PDB file of N, CA and C in Angstrom:
ATOM      1  N   UNK A   1       5.146  -3.521   0.872  1.00  0.00           N
ATOM      2  CA  UNK A   1       4.223  -3.279   1.959  1.00  0.00           C
ATOM      3  C   UNK A   1       4.322  -1.812   2.341  1.00  0.00           C
ATOM      4  N   UNK A   2       3.167  -1.213   2.545  1.00  0.00           N
ATOM      5  CA  UNK A   2       3.099   0.168   3.004  1.00  0.00           C
ATOM      6  C   UNK A   2       2.349   0.202   4.322  1.00  0.00           C
ATOM      7  N   UNK A   3       2.870   0.939   5.259  1.00  0.00           N
ATOM      8  CA  UNK A   3       2.132   1.278   6.471  1.00  0.00           C
ATOM      9  C   UNK A   3       1.871   2.772   6.373  1.00  0.00           C
ATOM     10  N   UNK A   4       0.631   3.181   6.588  1.00  0.00           N
ATOM     11  CA  UNK A   4       0.245   4.564   6.323  1.00  0.00           C
ATOM     12  C   UNK A   4      -0.607   5.116   7.457  1.00  0.00           C
ATOM     13  N   UNK A   5      -0.410   6.396   7.727  1.00  0.00           N
ATOM     14  CA  UNK A   5      -1.338   7.170   8.555  1.00  0.00           C
ATOM     15  C   UNK A   5      -1.750   8.359   7.699  1.00  0.00           C
ATOM     16  N   UNK A   6      -3.033   8.433   7.362  1.00  0.00           N
ATOM     17  CA  UNK A   6      -3.523   9.539   6.551  1.00  0.00           C
ATOM     18  C   UNK A   6      -3.657  10.799   7.397  1.00  0.00           C
ATOM     19  N   UNK A   7      -3.549  11.967   6.754  1.00  0.00           N
ATOM     20  CA  UNK A   7      -3.791  13.231   7.439  1.00  0.00           C
ATOM     21  C   UNK A   7      -5.245  13.268   7.888  1.00  0.00           C
ATOM     22  N   UNK A   8      -5.518  14.007   8.966  1.00  0.00           N
ATOM     23  CA  UNK A   8      -6.853  14.016   9.577  1.00  0.00           C
ATOM     24  C   UNK A   8      -7.959  14.494   8.645  1.00  0.00           C
ATOM     25  N   UNK A   9      -7.675  15.460   7.791  1.00  0.00           N
ATOM     26  CA  UNK A   9      -8.726  16.026   6.940  1.00  0.00           C
ATOM     27  C   UNK A   9      -8.960  15.231   5.651  1.00  0.00           C
ATOM     28  N   UNK A  10      -8.281  14.114   5.479  1.00  0.00           N
ATOM     29  CA  UNK A  10      -8.372  13.313   4.257  1.00  0.00           C
ATOM     30  C   UNK A  10      -9.544  12.334   4.346  1.00  0.00           C
ATOM     31  N   UNK A  11     -10.284  12.223   3.251  1.00  0.00           N
ATOM     32  CA  UNK A  11     -11.348  11.221   3.158  1.00  0.00           C
ATOM     33  C   UNK A  11     -10.682   9.928   2.686  1.00  0.00           C
ATOM     34  N   UNK A  12     -10.436   9.032   3.631  1.00  0.00           N
ATOM     35  CA  UNK A  12      -9.673   7.808   3.359  1.00  0.00           C
ATOM     36  C   UNK A  12     -10.277   6.991   2.230  1.00  0.00           C
ATOM     37  N   UNK A  13     -11.597   6.888   2.188  1.00  0.00           N
ATOM     38  CA  UNK A  13     -12.266   6.079   1.172  1.00  0.00           C
ATOM     39  C   UNK A  13     -11.949   6.577  -0.235  1.00  0.00           C
ATOM     40  N   UNK A  14     -11.859   7.902  -0.413  1.00  0.00           N
ATOM     41  CA  UNK A  14     -11.539   8.464  -1.730  1.00  0.00           C
ATOM     42  C   UNK A  14     -10.129   8.073  -2.160  1.00  0.00           C
ATOM     43  N   UNK A  15      -9.191   8.160  -1.238  1.00  0.00           N
ATOM     44  CA  UNK A  15      -7.803   7.799  -1.548  1.00  0.00           C
ATOM     45  C   UNK A  15      -7.710   6.310  -1.864  1.00  0.00           C
ATOM     46  N   UNK A  16      -8.376   5.493  -1.074  1.00  0.00           N
ATOM     47  CA  UNK A  16      -8.324   4.049  -1.291  1.00  0.00           C
ATOM     48  C   UNK A  16      -8.960   3.663  -2.620  1.00  0.00           C
ATOM     49  N   UNK A  17     -10.005   4.363  -3.037  1.00  0.00           N
ATOM     50  CA  UNK A  17     -10.608   4.114  -4.351  1.00  0.00           C
ATOM     51  C   UNK A  17      -9.615   4.448  -5.460  1.00  0.00           C
ATOM     52  N   UNK A  18      -8.877   5.544  -5.314  1.00  0.00           N
ATOM     53  CA  UNK A  18      -7.865   5.915  -6.307  1.00  0.00           C
ATOM     54  C   UNK A  18      -6.772   4.860  -6.384  1.00  0.00           C
ATOM     55  N   UNK A  19      -6.362   4.347  -5.237  1.00  0.00           N
ATOM     56  CA  UNK A  19      -5.335   3.305  -5.213  1.00  0.00           C
ATOM     57  C   UNK A  19      -5.858   2.050  -5.906  1.00  0.00           C
ATOM     58  N   UNK A  20      -7.081   1.656  -5.592  1.00  0.00           N
ATOM     59  CA  UNK A  20      -7.661   0.472  -6.218  1.00  0.00           C
ATOM     60  C   UNK A  20      -7.765   0.643  -7.731  1.00  0.00           C
ATOM     61  N   UNK A  21      -8.120   1.836  -8.187  1.00  0.00           N
ATOM     62  CA  UNK A  21      -8.203   2.104  -9.623  1.00  0.00           C
ATOM     63  C   UNK A  21      -6.825   1.970 -10.263  1.00  0.00           C
ATOM     64  N   UNK A  22      -5.813   2.547  -9.638  1.00  0.00           N
ATOM     65  CA  UNK A  22      -4.452   2.449 -10.159  1.00  0.00           C
ATOM     66  C   UNK A  22      -4.004   0.996 -10.237  1.00  0.00           C
ATOM     67  N   UNK A  23      -4.249   0.251  -9.184  1.00  0.00           N
ATOM     68  CA  UNK A  23      -3.846  -1.156  -9.135  1.00  0.00           C
ATOM     69  C   UNK A  23      -4.523  -1.950 -10.249  1.00  0.00           C
ATOM     70  N   UNK A  24      -5.797  -1.677 -10.505  1.00  0.00           N
ATOM     71  CA  UNK A  24      -6.515  -2.392 -11.559  1.00  0.00           C
ATOM     72  C   UNK A  24      -6.028  -2.038 -12.955  1.00  0.00           C
ATOM     73  N   UNK A  25      -5.372  -0.893 -13.104  1.00  0.00           N
ATOM     74  CA  UNK A  25      -4.843  -0.472 -14.401  1.00  0.00           C
ATOM     75  C   UNK A  25      -3.460  -1.044 -14.688  1.00  0.00           C
ATOM     76  N   UNK A  26      -2.786  -1.571 -13.680  1.00  0.00           N
ATOM     77  CA  UNK A  26      -1.414  -2.060 -13.846  1.00  0.00           C
ATOM     78  C   UNK A  26      -1.417  -3.582 -13.785  1.00  0.00           C
ATOM     79  N   UNK A  27      -1.262  -4.207 -14.941  1.00  0.00           N
ATOM     80  CA  UNK A  27      -1.293  -5.671 -15.024  1.00  0.00           C
ATOM     81  C   UNK A  27      -0.115  -6.336 -14.319  1.00  0.00           C
ATOM     82  N   UNK A  28       0.965  -5.609 -14.095  1.00  0.00           N
ATOM     83  CA  UNK A  28       2.147  -6.194 -13.460  1.00  0.00           C
ATOM     84  C   UNK A  28       1.919  -6.515 -11.982  1.00  0.00           C
ATOM     85  N   UNK A  29       0.922  -5.898 -11.383  1.00  0.00           N
ATOM     86  CA  UNK A  29       0.619  -6.171  -9.981  1.00  0.00           C
ATOM     87  C   UNK A  29      -0.162  -7.480  -9.910  1.00  0.00           C
ATOM     88  N   UNK A  30       0.439  -8.454  -9.246  1.00  0.00           N
ATOM     89  CA  UNK A  30      -0.169  -9.790  -9.138  1.00  0.00           C
ATOM     90  C   UNK A  30      -1.338  -9.783  -8.153  1.00  0.00           C
ATOM     91  N   UNK A  31      -1.166  -9.129  -7.015  1.00  0.00           N
ATOM     92  CA  UNK A  31      -2.248  -9.007  -6.041  1.00  0.00           C
ATOM     93  C   UNK A  31      -2.054  -7.732  -5.228  1.00  0.00           C
ATOM     94  N   UNK A  32      -3.162  -7.269  -4.660  1.00  0.00           N
ATOM     95  CA  UNK A  32      -3.147  -6.079  -3.815  1.00  0.00           C
ATOM     96  C   UNK A  32      -4.179  -6.283  -2.717  1.00  0.00           C
ATOM     97  N   UNK A  33      -3.756  -6.137  -1.485  1.00  0.00           N
ATOM     98  CA  UNK A  33      -4.672  -6.198  -0.347  1.00  0.00           C
ATOM     99  C   UNK A  33      -4.392  -5.001   0.558  1.00  0.00           C
ATOM    100  N   UNK A  34      -5.413  -4.550   1.238  1.00  0.00           N
ATOM    101  CA  UNK A  34      -5.233  -3.475   2.207  1.00  0.00           C
ATOM    102  C   UNK A  34      -6.213  -3.688   3.354  1.00  0.00           C
ATOM    103  N   UNK A  35      -5.908  -3.041   4.454  1.00  0.00           N
ATOM    104  CA  UNK A  35      -6.794  -3.111   5.599  1.00  0.00           C
ATOM    105  C   UNK A  35      -6.499  -1.979   6.566  1.00  0.00           C
ATOM    106  N   UNK A  36      -7.477  -1.717   7.420  1.00  0.00           N
ATOM    107  CA  UNK A  36      -7.349  -0.680   8.438  1.00  0.00           C
ATOM    108  C   UNK A  36      -7.244  -1.354   9.796  1.00  0.00           C
ATOM    109  N   UNK A  37      -6.301  -0.888  10.590  1.00  0.00           N
ATOM    110  CA  UNK A  37      -6.145  -1.425  11.939  1.00  0.00           C
ATOM    111  C   UNK A  37      -7.430  -1.178  12.714  1.00  0.00           C
ATOM    112  N   UNK A  38      -7.846  -2.191  13.447  1.00  0.00           N
ATOM    113  CA  UNK A  38      -9.127  -2.067  14.144  1.00  0.00           C
ATOM    114  C   UNK A  38      -9.023  -2.086  15.660  1.00  0.00           C
ATOM    115  N   UNK A  39      -7.948  -2.667  16.191  1.00  0.00           N
ATOM    116  CA  UNK A  39      -7.946  -2.847  17.642  1.00  0.00           C
ATOM    117  C   UNK A  39      -6.635  -2.540  18.355  1.00  0.00           C
ATOM    118  N   UNK A  40      -5.572  -2.329  17.643  1.00  0.00           N
ATOM    119  CA  UNK A  40      -4.290  -2.099  18.313  1.00  0.00           C
ATOM    120  C   UNK A  40      -4.261  -0.713  18.938  1.00  0.00           C
ATOM    121  N   UNK A  41      -3.487  -0.575  20.019  1.00  0.00           N
ATOM    122  CA  UNK A  41      -3.365   0.766  20.584  1.00  0.00           C
ATOM    123  C   UNK A  41      -2.231   1.498  19.875  1.00  0.00           C
ATOM    124  N   UNK A  42      -2.266   2.825  19.953  1.00  0.00           N
ATOM    125  CA  UNK A  42      -1.331   3.650  19.195  1.00  0.00           C
ATOM    126  C   UNK A  42       0.121   3.405  19.587  1.00  0.00           C
ATOM    127  N   UNK A  43       0.366   3.017  20.814  1.00  0.00           N
ATOM    128  CA  UNK A  43       1.739   2.742  21.225  1.00  0.00           C
ATOM    129  C   UNK A  43       2.323   1.591  20.395  1.00  0.00           C
ATOM    130  N   UNK A  44       1.507   0.610  20.094  1.00  0.00           N
ATOM    131  CA  UNK A  44       1.966  -0.540  19.316  1.00  0.00           C
ATOM    132  C   UNK A  44       2.069  -0.193  17.833  1.00  0.00           C
ATOM    133  N   UNK A  45       1.091   0.527  17.299  1.00  0.00           N
ATOM    134  CA  UNK A  45       1.060   0.830  15.861  1.00  0.00           C
ATOM    135  C   UNK A  45       1.913   2.041  15.493  1.00  0.00           C
ATOM    136  N   UNK A  46       2.357   2.792  16.477  1.00  0.00           N
ATOM    137  CA  UNK A  46       3.125   4.016  16.273  1.00  0.00           C
ATOM    138  C   UNK A  46       2.382   5.010  15.375  1.00  0.00           C
ATOM    139  N   UNK A  47       1.052   4.951  15.423  1.00  0.00           N
ATOM    140  CA  UNK A  47       0.227   5.894  14.681  1.00  0.00           C
ATOM    141  C   UNK A  47      -0.208   5.434  13.305  1.00  0.00           C
ATOM    142  N   UNK A  48       0.388   4.373  12.787  1.00  0.00           N
ATOM    143  CA  UNK A  48      -0.016   3.876  11.470  1.00  0.00           C
ATOM    144  C   UNK A  48      -1.406   3.270  11.574  1.00  0.00           C
ATOM    145  N   UNK A  49      -2.254   3.548  10.585  1.00  0.00           N
ATOM    146  CA  UNK A  49      -3.640   3.089  10.633  1.00  0.00           C
ATOM    147  C   UNK A  49      -3.997   2.096   9.531  1.00  0.00           C
ATOM    148  N   UNK A  50      -3.268   2.121   8.423  1.00  0.00           N
ATOM    149  CA  UNK A  50      -3.589   1.264   7.285  1.00  0.00           C
ATOM    150  C   UNK A  50      -2.342   0.504   6.829  1.00  0.00           C
ATOM    151  N   UNK A  51      -2.577  -0.706   6.333  1.00  0.00           N
ATOM    152  CA  UNK A  51      -1.504  -1.502   5.732  1.00  0.00           C
ATOM    153  C   UNK A  51      -1.935  -1.885   4.320  1.00  0.00           C
ATOM    154  N   UNK A  52      -0.982  -1.862   3.398  1.00  0.00           N
ATOM    155  CA  UNK A  52      -1.239  -2.236   2.005  1.00  0.00           C
ATOM    156  C   UNK A  52      -0.108  -3.131   1.538  1.00  0.00           C
ATOM    157  N   UNK A  53      -0.479  -4.200   0.846  1.00  0.00           N
ATOM    158  CA  UNK A  53       0.532  -5.128   0.344  1.00  0.00           C
ATOM    159  C   UNK A  53       0.278  -5.384  -1.134  1.00  0.00           C
ATOM    160  N   UNK A  54       1.297  -5.175  -1.949  1.00  0.00           N
ATOM    161  CA  UNK A  54       1.257  -5.504  -3.373  1.00  0.00           C
ATOM    162  C   UNK A  54       2.254  -6.618  -3.619  1.00  0.00           C
ATOM    163  N   UNK A  55       1.867  -7.563  -4.465  1.00  0.00           N
ATOM    164  CA  UNK A  55       2.804  -8.620  -4.840  1.00  0.00           C
ATOM    165  C   UNK A  55       2.990  -8.611  -6.350  1.00  0.00           C
ATOM    166  N   UNK A  56       4.175  -9.034  -6.746  1.00  0.00           N
ATOM    167  CA  UNK A  56       4.566  -9.066  -8.151  1.00  0.00           C
ATOM    168  C   UNK A  56       5.124 -10.439  -8.474  1.00  0.00           C
ATOM    169  N   UNK A  57       5.098 -10.807  -9.755  1.00  0.00           N
ATOM    170  CA  UNK A  57       5.627 -12.109 -10.173  1.00  0.00           C
ATOM    171  C   UNK A  57       7.146 -12.147 -10.139  1.00  0.00           C
ATOM    172  N   UNK A  58       7.773 -10.977 -10.312  1.00  0.00           N
ATOM    173  CA  UNK A  58       9.237 -10.948 -10.368  1.00  0.00           C
ATOM    174  C   UNK A  58       9.749  -9.573  -9.960  1.00  0.00           C
ATOM    175  N   UNK A  59      11.032  -9.506  -9.681  1.00  0.00           N
ATOM    176  CA  UNK A  59      11.667  -8.227  -9.355  1.00  0.00           C
ATOM    177  C   UNK A  59      11.577  -7.279 -10.547  1.00  0.00           C
ATOM    178  N   UNK A  60      11.688  -7.831 -11.746  1.00  0.00           N
ATOM    179  CA  UNK A  60      11.599  -7.010 -12.959  1.00  0.00           C
ATOM    180  C   UNK A  60      10.210  -6.376 -13.092  1.00  0.00           C
ATOM    181  N   UNK A  61       9.165  -7.142 -12.769  1.00  0.00           N
ATOM    182  CA  UNK A  61       7.809  -6.579 -12.805  1.00  0.00           C
ATOM    183  C   UNK A  61       7.670  -5.454 -11.782  1.00  0.00           C
ATOM    184  N   UNK A  62       8.237  -5.660 -10.595  1.00  0.00           N
ATOM    185  CA  UNK A  62       8.199  -4.619  -9.563  1.00  0.00           C
ATOM    186  C   UNK A  62       8.894  -3.353 -10.058  1.00  0.00           C
ATOM    187  N   UNK A  63      10.090  -3.517 -10.621  1.00  0.00           N
ATOM    188  CA  UNK A  63      10.857  -2.359 -11.085  1.00  0.00           C
ATOM    189  C   UNK A  63      10.129  -1.620 -12.204  1.00  0.00           C
ATOM    190  N   UNK A  64       9.463  -2.355 -13.096  1.00  0.00           N
ATOM    191  CA  UNK A  64       8.693  -1.717 -14.163  1.00  0.00           C
ATOM    192  C   UNK A  64       7.483  -0.975 -13.592  1.00  0.00           C
ATOM    193  N   UNK A  65       6.900  -1.523 -12.564  1.00  0.00           N
ATOM    194  CA  UNK A  65       5.722  -0.920 -11.948  1.00  0.00           C
ATOM    195  C   UNK A  65       6.075   0.358 -11.191  1.00  0.00           C
ATOM    196  N   UNK A  66       7.229   0.406 -10.600  1.00  0.00           N
ATOM    197  CA  UNK A  66       7.654   1.584  -9.834  1.00  0.00           C
ATOM    198  C   UNK A  66       7.604   2.830 -10.709  1.00  0.00           C
ATOM    199  N   UNK A  67       8.002   2.699 -11.955  1.00  0.00           N
ATOM    200  CA  UNK A  67       7.972   3.828 -12.882  1.00  0.00           C
ATOM    201  C   UNK A  67       6.541   4.341 -13.038  1.00  0.00           C
ATOM    202  N   UNK A  68       5.578   3.432 -13.126  1.00  0.00           N
ATOM    203  CA  UNK A  68       4.176   3.821 -13.295  1.00  0.00           C
ATOM    204  C   UNK A  68       3.599   4.429 -12.021  1.00  0.00           C
ATOM    205  N   UNK A  69       4.140   4.072 -10.879  1.00  0.00           N
ATOM    206  CA  UNK A  69       3.611   4.564  -9.603  1.00  0.00           C
ATOM    207  C   UNK A  69       4.133   5.948  -9.232  1.00  0.00           C
ATOM    208  N   UNK A  70       5.173   6.411  -9.906  1.00  0.00           N
ATOM    209  CA  UNK A  70       5.795   7.691  -9.546  1.00  0.00           C
ATOM    210  C   UNK A  70       4.791   8.835  -9.629  1.00  0.00           C
ATOM    211  N   UNK A  71       3.988   8.871 -10.688  1.00  0.00           N
ATOM    212  CA  UNK A  71       3.000   9.944 -10.830  1.00  0.00           C
ATOM    213  C   UNK A  71       2.015   9.934  -9.663  1.00  0.00           C
ATOM    214  N   UNK A  72       1.520   8.767  -9.313  1.00  0.00           N
ATOM    215  CA  UNK A  72       0.562   8.663  -8.212  1.00  0.00           C
ATOM    216  C   UNK A  72       1.222   9.015  -6.890  1.00  0.00           C
ATOM    217  N   UNK A  73       2.472   8.662  -6.730  1.00  0.00           N
ATOM    218  CA  UNK A  73       3.183   8.931  -5.478  1.00  0.00           C
ATOM    219  C   UNK A  73       3.215  10.417  -5.160  1.00  0.00           C
ATOM    220  N   UNK A  74       3.341  11.247  -6.185  1.00  0.00           N
ATOM    221  CA  UNK A  74       3.375  12.693  -5.971  1.00  0.00           C
ATOM    222  C   UNK A  74       2.074  13.175  -5.335  1.00  0.00           C
ATOM    223  N   UNK A  75       0.963  12.559  -5.712  1.00  0.00           N
ATOM    224  CA  UNK A  75      -0.333  12.907  -5.125  1.00  0.00           C
ATOM    225  C   UNK A  75      -0.478  12.260  -3.748  1.00  0.00           C
ATOM    226  N   UNK A  76      -0.083  11.000  -3.655  1.00  0.00           N
ATOM    227  CA  UNK A  76      -0.265  10.214  -2.437  1.00  0.00           C
ATOM    228  C   UNK A  76       0.442  10.848  -1.244  1.00  0.00           C
ATOM    229  N   UNK A  77       1.649  11.358  -1.434  1.00  0.00           N
ATOM    230  CA  UNK A  77       2.393  11.924  -0.303  1.00  0.00           C
ATOM    231  C   UNK A  77       1.725  13.170   0.271  1.00  0.00           C
ATOM    232  N   UNK A  78       0.848  13.796  -0.488  1.00  0.00           N
ATOM    233  CA  UNK A  78       0.161  14.986   0.026  1.00  0.00           C
ATOM    234  C   UNK A  78      -0.967  14.641   0.996  1.00  0.00           C
ATOM    235  N   UNK A  79      -1.392  13.364   1.031  1.00  0.00           N
ATOM    236  CA  UNK A  79      -2.515  12.981   1.889  1.00  0.00           C
ATOM    237  C   UNK A  79      -2.095  12.129   3.082  1.00  0.00           C
ATOM    238  N   UNK A  80      -0.806  11.810   3.173  1.00  0.00           N
ATOM    239  CA  UNK A  80      -0.357  10.978   4.287  1.00  0.00           C
ATOM    240  C   UNK A  80       0.464  11.788   5.281  1.00  0.00           C
ATOM    241  N   UNK A  81       0.248  11.474   6.542  1.00  0.00           N
ATOM    242  CA  UNK A  81       1.030  12.089   7.612  1.00  0.00           C
ATOM    243  C   UNK A  81       2.308  11.296   7.857  1.00  0.00           C
ATOM    244  N   UNK A  82       2.176   9.961   7.789  1.00  0.00           N
ATOM    245  CA  UNK A  82       3.314   9.063   8.004  1.00  0.00           C
ATOM    246  C   UNK A  82       3.222   7.927   7.002  1.00  0.00           C
ATOM    247  N   UNK A  83       4.378   7.469   6.545  1.00  0.00           N
ATOM    248  CA  UNK A  83       4.405   6.313   5.655  1.00  0.00           C
ATOM    249  C   UNK A  83       5.684   5.529   5.909  1.00  0.00           C
ATOM    250  N   UNK A  84       5.567   4.229   5.864  1.00  0.00           N
ATOM    251  CA  UNK A  84       6.713   3.331   5.994  1.00  0.00           C
ATOM    252  C   UNK A  84       6.603   2.329   4.857  1.00  0.00           C
ATOM    253  N   UNK A  85       7.654   2.201   4.064  1.00  0.00           N
ATOM    254  CA  UNK A  85       7.657   1.308   2.907  1.00  0.00           C
ATOM    255  C   UNK A  85       8.677   0.207   3.132  1.00  0.00           C
ATOM    256  N   UNK A  86       8.257  -1.030   2.922  1.00  0.00           N
ATOM    257  CA  UNK A  86       9.155  -2.181   3.001  1.00  0.00           C
ATOM    258  C   UNK A  86       9.058  -2.953   1.691  1.00  0.00           C
ATOM    259  N   UNK A  87      10.188  -3.200   1.055  1.00  0.00           N
ATOM    260  CA  UNK A  87      10.249  -4.033  -0.146  1.00  0.00           C
ATOM    261  C   UNK A  87      10.995  -5.296   0.227  1.00  0.00           C
ATOM    262  N   UNK A  88      10.352  -6.438   0.037  1.00  0.00           N
ATOM    263  CA  UNK A  88      10.985  -7.690   0.444  1.00  0.00           C
ATOM    264  C   UNK A  88      10.484  -8.836  -0.423  1.00  0.00           C
ATOM    265  N   UNK A  89      11.343  -9.825  -0.657  1.00  0.00           N
ATOM    266  CA  UNK A  89      10.863 -11.029  -1.341  1.00  0.00           C
ATOM    267  C   UNK A  89      10.045 -11.853  -0.346  1.00  0.00           C
ATOM    268  N   UNK A  90       8.839 -12.209  -0.733  1.00  0.00           N
ATOM    269  CA  UNK A  90       7.952 -12.946   0.172  1.00  0.00           C
ATOM    270  C   UNK A  90       8.329 -14.420   0.227  1.00  0.00           C
ATOM    271  N   UNK A  91       8.249 -14.968   1.404  1.00  0.00           N
ATOM    272  CA  UNK A  91       8.456 -16.396   1.623  1.00  0.00           C
ATOM    273  C   UNK A  91       7.114 -16.959   2.088  1.00  0.00           C
ATOM    274  N   UNK A  92       6.504 -17.799   1.261  1.00  0.00           N
ATOM    275  CA  UNK A  92       5.198 -18.359   1.597  1.00  0.00           C
ATOM    276  C   UNK A  92       5.380 -19.584   2.481  1.00  0.00           C
ATOM    277  N   UNK A  93       4.848 -19.516   3.676  1.00  0.00           N
ATOM    278  CA  UNK A  93       4.896 -20.636   4.603  1.00  0.00           C
ATOM    279  C   UNK A  93       3.616 -21.461   4.475  1.00  0.00           C
ATOM    280  N   UNK A  94       2.488 -20.767   4.297  1.00  0.00           N
ATOM    281  CA  UNK A  94       1.213 -21.452   4.106  1.00  0.00           C
ATOM    282  C   UNK A  94       0.353 -20.592   3.185  1.00  0.00           C
ATOM    283  N   UNK A  95      -0.014 -21.130   2.038  1.00  0.00           N
ATOM    284  CA  UNK A  95      -0.830 -20.389   1.079  1.00  0.00           C
ATOM    285  C   UNK A  95      -2.268 -20.303   1.572  1.00  0.00           C
ATOM    286  N   UNK A  96      -2.948 -19.214   1.191  1.00  0.00           N
ATOM    287  CA  UNK A  96      -4.356 -19.087   1.570  1.00  0.00           C
ATOM    288  C   UNK A  96      -5.186 -20.098   0.793  1.00  0.00           C
ATOM    289  N   UNK A  97      -6.247 -20.555   1.427  1.00  0.00           N
ATOM    290  CA  UNK A  97      -7.072 -21.568   0.749  1.00  0.00           C
ATOM    291  C   UNK A  97      -8.368 -21.004   0.246  1.00  0.00           C
TER     292      UNK A  97
END
């Protein structure tokens, strides 16, 4: 999971298109979702505006994917003001229907 605040002069749609393209090129990524905060106040979000979640079939798939993401990360960090990364095994309580 990534929480991101893009720099003010960044065209968010362009960055998100690049991320979507990268995700579609990497078969190890099981799913990818993202969204922009729409209603929370900044005190609650601490300035983060976007959330992104990638899921993988296994820890090994995640570790293999990290190598492929390194190149993109070098570009990505130039367009973000703040980023918070959380890596965790997901526990499904209720699957989407």
